[in-house]
C-alpha atoms as a PDB file:
ATOM      1  CA  MET A   1     147.384  95.474  70.032  1.00  0.00           C
ATOM      2  CA  ASN A   2     145.059  93.054  71.709  1.00  0.00           C
ATOM      3  CA  THR A   3     141.090  93.460  72.421  1.00  0.00           C
ATOM      4  CA  TYR A   4     139.596  92.147  75.761  1.00  0.00           C
ATOM      5  CA  LYS A   5     135.901  92.104  75.293  1.00  0.00           C
ATOM      6  CA  THR A   6     133.306  92.735  78.667  1.00  0.00           C
ATOM      7  CA  GLU A   7     129.905  93.981  78.619  1.00  0.00           C
ATOM      8  CA  ARG A   8     130.660  96.407  81.185  1.00  0.00           C
ATOM      9  CA  PRO A   9     133.128  99.557  81.748  1.00  0.00           C
ATOM     10  CA  VAL A  10     136.868  98.722  82.301  1.00  0.00           C
ATOM     11  CA  ASN A  11     138.536 100.845  84.656  1.00  0.00           C
ATOM     12  CA  SER A  12     141.732  99.231  85.331  1.00  0.00           C
ATOM     13  CA  ALA A  13     143.851  96.825  84.132  1.00  0.00           C
ATOM     14  CA  SER A  14     147.161  95.442  84.769  1.00  0.00           C
ATOM     15  CA  LEU A  15     149.925  92.856  82.933  1.00  0.00           C
ATOM     16  CA  SER A  16     151.092  89.914  85.199  1.00  0.00           C
ATOM     17  CA  PRO A  17     155.171  90.264  84.899  1.00  0.00           C
ATOM     18  CA  ILE A  18     155.638  86.308  85.038  1.00  0.00           C
ATOM     19  CA  ARG A  19     152.609  84.994  83.182  1.00  0.00           C
ATOM     20  CA  GLU A  20     150.918  85.869  79.584  1.00  0.00           C
ATOM     21  CA  HIS A  21     147.682  86.895  81.592  1.00  0.00           C
ATOM     22  CA  VAL A  22     145.960  90.440  82.432  1.00  0.00           C
ATOM     23  CA  VAL A  23     143.338  91.436  84.950  1.00  0.00           C
ATOM     24  CA  LEU A  24     140.754  93.683  84.372  1.00  0.00           C
ATOM     25  CA  GLY A  25     138.522  95.569  86.747  1.00  0.00           C
ATOM     26  CA  GLY A  26     135.647  97.598  86.153  1.00  0.00           C
ATOM     27  CA  GLY A  27     131.933  97.124  86.308  1.00  0.00           C
ATOM     28  CA  GLN A  28     128.745  98.833  86.188  1.00  0.00           C
ATOM     29  CA  GLU A  29     128.492 102.955  85.861  1.00  0.00           C
ATOM     30  CA  ALA A  30     128.994 104.053  89.716  1.00  0.00           C
ATOM     31  CA  MET A  31     125.984 106.009  89.457  1.00  0.00           C
ATOM     32  CA  ASP A  32     123.932 103.145  88.858  1.00  0.00           C
ATOM     33  CA  VAL A  33     125.533 100.979  91.510  1.00  0.00           C
ATOM     34  CA  THR A  34     122.493 101.753  94.246  1.00  0.00           C
ATOM     35  CA  THR A  35     119.805 100.558  91.634  1.00  0.00           C
ATOM     36  CA  THR A  36     120.994  97.103  91.232  1.00  0.00           C
ATOM     37  CA  SER A  37     122.124  94.255  93.127  1.00  0.00           C
ATOM     38  CA  THR A  38     125.819  93.023  93.234  1.00  0.00           C
ATOM     39  CA  ARG A  39     125.048  89.969  90.718  1.00  0.00           C
ATOM     40  CA  VAL A  40     123.688  92.575  88.047  1.00  0.00           C
ATOM     41  CA  GLY A  41     126.849  95.102  88.657  1.00  0.00           C
ATOM     42  CA  LYS A  42     129.195  92.477  87.531  1.00  0.00           C
ATOM     43  CA  PHE A  43     131.939  93.884  89.948  1.00  0.00           C
ATOM     44  CA  ASP A  44     134.642  91.036  89.214  1.00  0.00           C
ATOM     45  CA  ALA A  45     138.172  91.466  88.395  1.00  0.00           C
ATOM     46  CA  ARG A  46     138.521  89.292  85.076  1.00  0.00           C
ATOM     47  CA  PHE A  47     141.470  87.431  83.821  1.00  0.00           C
ATOM     48  CA  PHE A  48     142.445  86.912  80.160  1.00  0.00           C
ATOM     49  CA  HIS A  49     145.124  85.596  78.245  1.00  0.00           C
ATOM     50  CA  THR A  50     147.220  88.222  76.973  1.00  0.00           C
ATOM     51  CA  VAL A  51     147.943  85.931  73.513  1.00  0.00           C
ATOM     52  CA  PHE A  52     144.835  84.363  72.732  1.00  0.00           C
ATOM     53  CA  GLU A  53     142.399  87.196  74.438  1.00  0.00           C
ATOM     54  CA  GLU A  54     140.372  84.329  76.372  1.00  0.00           C
ATOM     55  CA  GLU A  55     139.026  84.606  79.743  1.00  0.00           C
ATOM     56  CA  MET A  56     140.272  82.610  81.976  1.00  0.00           C
ATOM     57  CA  GLY A  57     138.599  83.260  85.210  1.00  0.00           C
ATOM     58  CA  ARG A  58     136.982  85.871  87.362  1.00  0.00           C
ATOM     59  CA  VAL A  59     137.126  86.629  91.222  1.00  0.00           C
ATOM     60  CA  LYS A  60     134.612  88.197  93.097  1.00  0.00           C
ATOM     61  CA  GLY A  61     134.614  90.410  95.627  1.00  0.00           C
ATOM     62  CA  HIS A  62     133.752  93.953  95.426  1.00  0.00           C
ATOM     63  CA  PHE A  63     130.456  95.389  96.401  1.00  0.00           C
ATOM     64  CA  GLY A  64     130.886  98.221  93.676  1.00  0.00           C
ATOM     65  CA  PRO A  65     133.117  99.148  90.406  1.00  0.00           C
ATOM     66  CA  ILE A  66     136.682  97.954  90.611  1.00  0.00           C
ATOM     67  CA  ASN A  67     138.837 101.372  89.982  1.00  0.00           C
ATOM     68  CA  SER A  68     142.092 100.050  90.153  1.00  0.00           C
ATOM     69  CA  THR A  69     144.115  96.570  89.689  1.00  0.00           C
ATOM     70  CA  ALA A  70     147.823  95.640  90.268  1.00  0.00           C
ATOM     71  CA  PHE A  71     150.076  92.700  90.187  1.00  0.00           C
ATOM     72  CA  HIS A  72     152.388  92.468  92.671  1.00  0.00           C
ATOM     73  CA  PRO A  73     156.217  92.538  90.682  1.00  0.00           C
ATOM     74  CA  ASP A  74     156.946  89.079  91.827  1.00  0.00           C
ATOM     75  CA  GLY A  75     153.542  88.187  90.164  1.00  0.00           C
ATOM     76  CA  LYS A  76     152.056  85.659  92.955  1.00  0.00           C
ATOM     77  CA  SER A  77     149.194  88.216  94.085  1.00  0.00           C
ATOM     78  CA  TYR A  78     147.330  90.984  92.877  1.00  0.00           C
ATOM     79  CA  SER A  79     145.227  94.099  94.458  1.00  0.00           C
ATOM     80  CA  SER A  80     141.942  95.503  93.592  1.00  0.00           C
ATOM     81  CA  GLY A  81     140.818  98.810  94.500  1.00  0.00           C
ATOM     82  CA  GLY A  82     137.121  99.418  94.274  1.00  0.00           C
ATOM     83  CA  GLU A  83     134.131 102.184  94.757  1.00  0.00           C
ATOM     84  CA  ASP A  84     133.491 100.437  97.821  1.00  0.00           C
ATOM     85  CA  GLY A  85     136.144 101.696  99.800  1.00  0.00           C
ATOM     86  CA  TYR A  86     138.059  98.499  99.784  1.00  0.00           C
ATOM     87  CA  VAL A  87     141.532  97.058  98.665  1.00  0.00           C
ATOM     88  CA  ARG A  88     141.693  93.597  98.338  1.00  0.00           C
ATOM     89  CA  VAL A  89     144.734  91.704  98.246  1.00  0.00           C
ATOM     90  CA  HIS A  90     144.433  88.200  96.527  1.00  0.00           C
ATOM     91  CA  VAL A  91     147.314  85.631  96.652  1.00  0.00           C
ATOM     92  CA  PHE A  92     147.223  83.211  93.824  1.00  0.00           C
ATOM     93  CA  ASP A  93     146.722  79.472  94.848  1.00  0.00           C
ATOM     94  CA  PRO A  94     149.406  77.045  93.626  1.00  0.00           C
ATOM     95  CA  SER A  95     146.982  75.796  91.157  1.00  0.00           C
ATOM     96  CA  TYR A  96     147.175  79.259  89.300  1.00  0.00           C
ATOM     97  CA  PHE A  97     150.720  78.168  88.170  1.00  0.00           C
ATOM     98  CA  GLU A  98     150.086  74.905  86.984  1.00  0.00           C
ATOM     99  CA  VAL A  99     147.890  76.042  84.267  1.00  0.00           C
ATOM    100  CA  GLU A 100     149.148  76.183  80.667  1.00  0.00           C
ATOM    101  CA  PHE A 101     147.819  77.018  77.219  1.00  0.00           C
ATOM    102  CA  GLU A 102     148.652  75.118  74.596  1.00  0.00           C
ATOM    103  CA  TYR A 103     150.319  76.695  71.660  1.00  0.00           C
END
């Protein structure tokens, strides 16, 4: 079993069907959202390598906690749904597929 550590609650995780990556979504507790800025709430989708448990990147965009994440079955995009009422569809740049970890 692997552990992906964040400083905020995680509400959702999704495994890539083609890469050794996991995307996590969450953020600050929903009841505290109105009292802090989006920067403090950390409403980022966070990408980790599933084997090495290292964070590889973050994607900003939501104005509240992320409640759901899902990779597309072809692995070329992912979606995130948040407390802010938006579902965001993110298509990966070609550079995402070029990144390789050395074992």
